Amino acid sequence: MRPVLFMSWAYKDKPEMTAQLAEEYTNAGNANDMLVIPAGLAFAKAIAMRPELELYETDKRHPSLAGTYLAAATVYATLYRKSPVGNTYTAGLPRDVVSTLQTAAWDATQAYFGR
């Protein structure tokens, strides 16, 4: 069994945290032979795709339902090495939002692992 690190996302009001978080999680993963789930990079990807989506709660740190869905889709993409795009579970979110989140999760995961 291989340990897994869950890369957290930048605070909503501090997007510049993304690069540093990604670097530190990647370094820790590499140094300890751990798999890294690039959720933080998926957040950045989703925000770039659709900046109007609200991925955060009002505290600007914790994920909204959409942010939680995105994180879960990234976990799925990383652990199973399969695209979440087309998964029919929506968590009650609009289908267009779900499509964006699934695509962002898959794109970020593919980019992170160099595929």
Protein backbone atom coordinates (compact mmCIF):
# COMPACT_ATOMS: atom_id res chain seq x y z
CA MET A 1 0.00 0.00 0.00
CA ARG A 2 1.31 3.44 -0.95
CA PRO A 3 0.65 6.55 1.14
CA VAL A 4 -1.21 9.43 -0.50
CA LEU A 5 -0.91 13.18 0.00
CA PHE A 6 -3.86 15.44 -0.75
CA MET A 7 -2.57 18.70 -2.22
CA SER A 8 -4.67 21.48 -0.76
CA TRP A 9 -5.79 24.56 -2.65
CA ALA A 10 -4.87 28.20 -2.32
CA TYR A 11 -7.09 30.48 -0.30
CA LYS A 12 -9.58 32.28 -2.51
CA ASP A 13 -7.97 35.65 -1.79
CA LYS A 14 -4.41 34.31 -2.20
CA PRO A 15 -4.23 32.47 -5.54
CA GLU A 16 -0.48 32.95 -5.56
CA MET A 17 -0.31 30.14 -2.97
CA THR A 18 -1.04 27.58 -5.70
CA ALA A 19 2.49 27.30 -7.09
CA GLN A 20 4.15 27.07 -3.66
CA LEU A 21 1.66 24.47 -2.42
CA ALA A 22 2.11 22.40 -5.58
CA GLU A 23 5.89 22.53 -5.26
CA GLU A 24 5.93 21.58 -1.58
CA TYR A 25 3.45 18.73 -1.95
CA THR A 26 5.36 17.43 -4.97
CA ASN A 27 8.67 17.60 -3.10
CA ALA A 28 7.20 15.79 -0.09
CA GLY A 29 5.60 13.17 -2.32
CA ASN A 30 8.81 12.55 -4.23
CA ALA A 31 10.95 12.41 -1.08
CA ASN A 32 8.66 9.88 0.56
CA ASP A 33 7.43 7.82 -2.41
CA MET A 34 3.89 9.08 -1.94
CA LEU A 35 1.19 9.62 -4.52
CA VAL A 36 0.00 13.25 -4.64
CA ILE A 37 -3.59 14.14 -5.47
CA PRO A 38 -3.36 17.53 -7.23
CA ALA A 39 -6.59 19.03 -5.89
CA GLY A 40 -5.02 22.47 -5.55
CA LEU A 41 -4.09 22.47 -9.22
CA ALA A 42 -7.60 21.34 -10.11
CA PHE A 43 -9.00 24.32 -8.20
CA ALA A 44 -6.74 26.66 -10.17
CA LYS A 45 -7.77 24.97 -13.43
CA ALA A 46 -11.50 25.23 -12.66
CA ILE A 47 -11.14 28.90 -11.71
CA ALA A 48 -9.29 29.58 -14.96
CA MET A 49 -12.03 27.79 -16.92
CA ARG A 50 -14.98 29.45 -15.15
CA PRO A 51 -14.02 32.23 -12.73
CA GLU A 52 -17.66 32.78 -11.77
CA LEU A 53 -17.92 29.34 -10.14
CA GLU A 54 -17.90 29.56 -6.37
CA LEU A 55 -15.53 26.88 -5.08
CA TYR A 56 -15.21 28.34 -1.57
CA GLU A 57 -17.30 28.99 1.49
CA THR A 58 -17.50 32.58 2.76
CA ASP A 59 -14.33 32.08 4.85
CA LYS A 60 -12.39 31.84 1.53
CA ARG A 61 -10.61 28.70 2.70
CA HIS A 62 -13.05 25.81 2.96
CA PRO A 63 -14.63 24.33 -0.15
CA SER A 64 -18.21 24.91 -1.19
CA LEU A 65 -20.25 21.98 -2.50
CA ALA A 66 -18.74 22.63 -5.95
CA GLY A 67 -15.23 22.73 -4.48
CA THR A 68 -15.84 19.51 -2.60
CA TYR A 69 -17.15 17.88 -5.77
CA LEU A 70 -14.04 19.06 -7.64
CA ALA A 71 -11.75 17.65 -4.95
CA ALA A 72 -13.57 14.31 -5.03
CA ALA A 73 -13.36 14.16 -8.83
CA THR A 74 -9.61 14.80 -8.56
CA VAL A 75 -9.24 12.00 -6.01
CA TYR A 76 -11.09 9.68 -8.38
CA ALA A 77 -8.99 10.71 -11.39
CA THR A 78 -5.75 10.23 -9.47
CA LEU A 79 -6.49 6.96 -7.70
CA TYR A 80 -8.20 5.21 -10.59
CA ARG A 81 -6.28 6.91 -13.43
CA LYS A 82 -9.62 7.28 -15.16
CA SER A 83 -11.48 10.33 -16.32
CA PRO A 84 -14.38 11.47 -14.16
CA VAL A 85 -15.86 13.20 -17.22
CA GLY A 86 -19.30 11.80 -17.87
CA ASN A 87 -19.90 10.49 -14.36
CA THR A 88 -23.63 10.88 -13.79
CA TYR A 89 -23.49 11.78 -10.08
CA THR A 90 -24.05 15.54 -9.72
CA ALA A 91 -24.41 16.10 -5.94
CA GLY A 92 -27.32 18.35 -6.90
CA LEU A 93 -25.11 20.71 -8.90
CA PRO A 94 -26.14 21.89 -12.37
CA ARG A 95 -24.88 19.59 -15.14
CA ASP A 96 -22.85 22.35 -16.81
CA VAL A 97 -21.04 23.00 -13.52
CA VAL A 98 -20.43 19.28 -13.02
CA SER A 99 -19.03 19.01 -16.54
CA THR A 100 -16.60 21.87 -15.88
CA LEU A 101 -15.51 20.39 -12.55
CA GLN A 102 -15.00 16.92 -13.99
CA THR A 103 -13.01 18.34 -16.89
CA ALA A 104 -10.86 20.51 -14.60
CA ALA A 105 -10.14 17.52 -12.36
CA TRP A 106 -9.13 15.34 -15.30
CA ASP A 107 -7.09 18.04 -17.06
CA ALA A 108 -5.21 18.96 -13.87
CA THR A 109 -4.51 15.33 -13.05
CA GLN A 110 -3.30 14.57 -16.56
CA ALA A 111 -1.06 17.67 -16.58
CA TYR A 112 0.35 16.91 -13.13
CA PHE A 113 1.33 13.38 -14.05
CA GLY A 114 2.63 14.44 -17.46
CA ARG A 115 0.14 12.63 -19.64
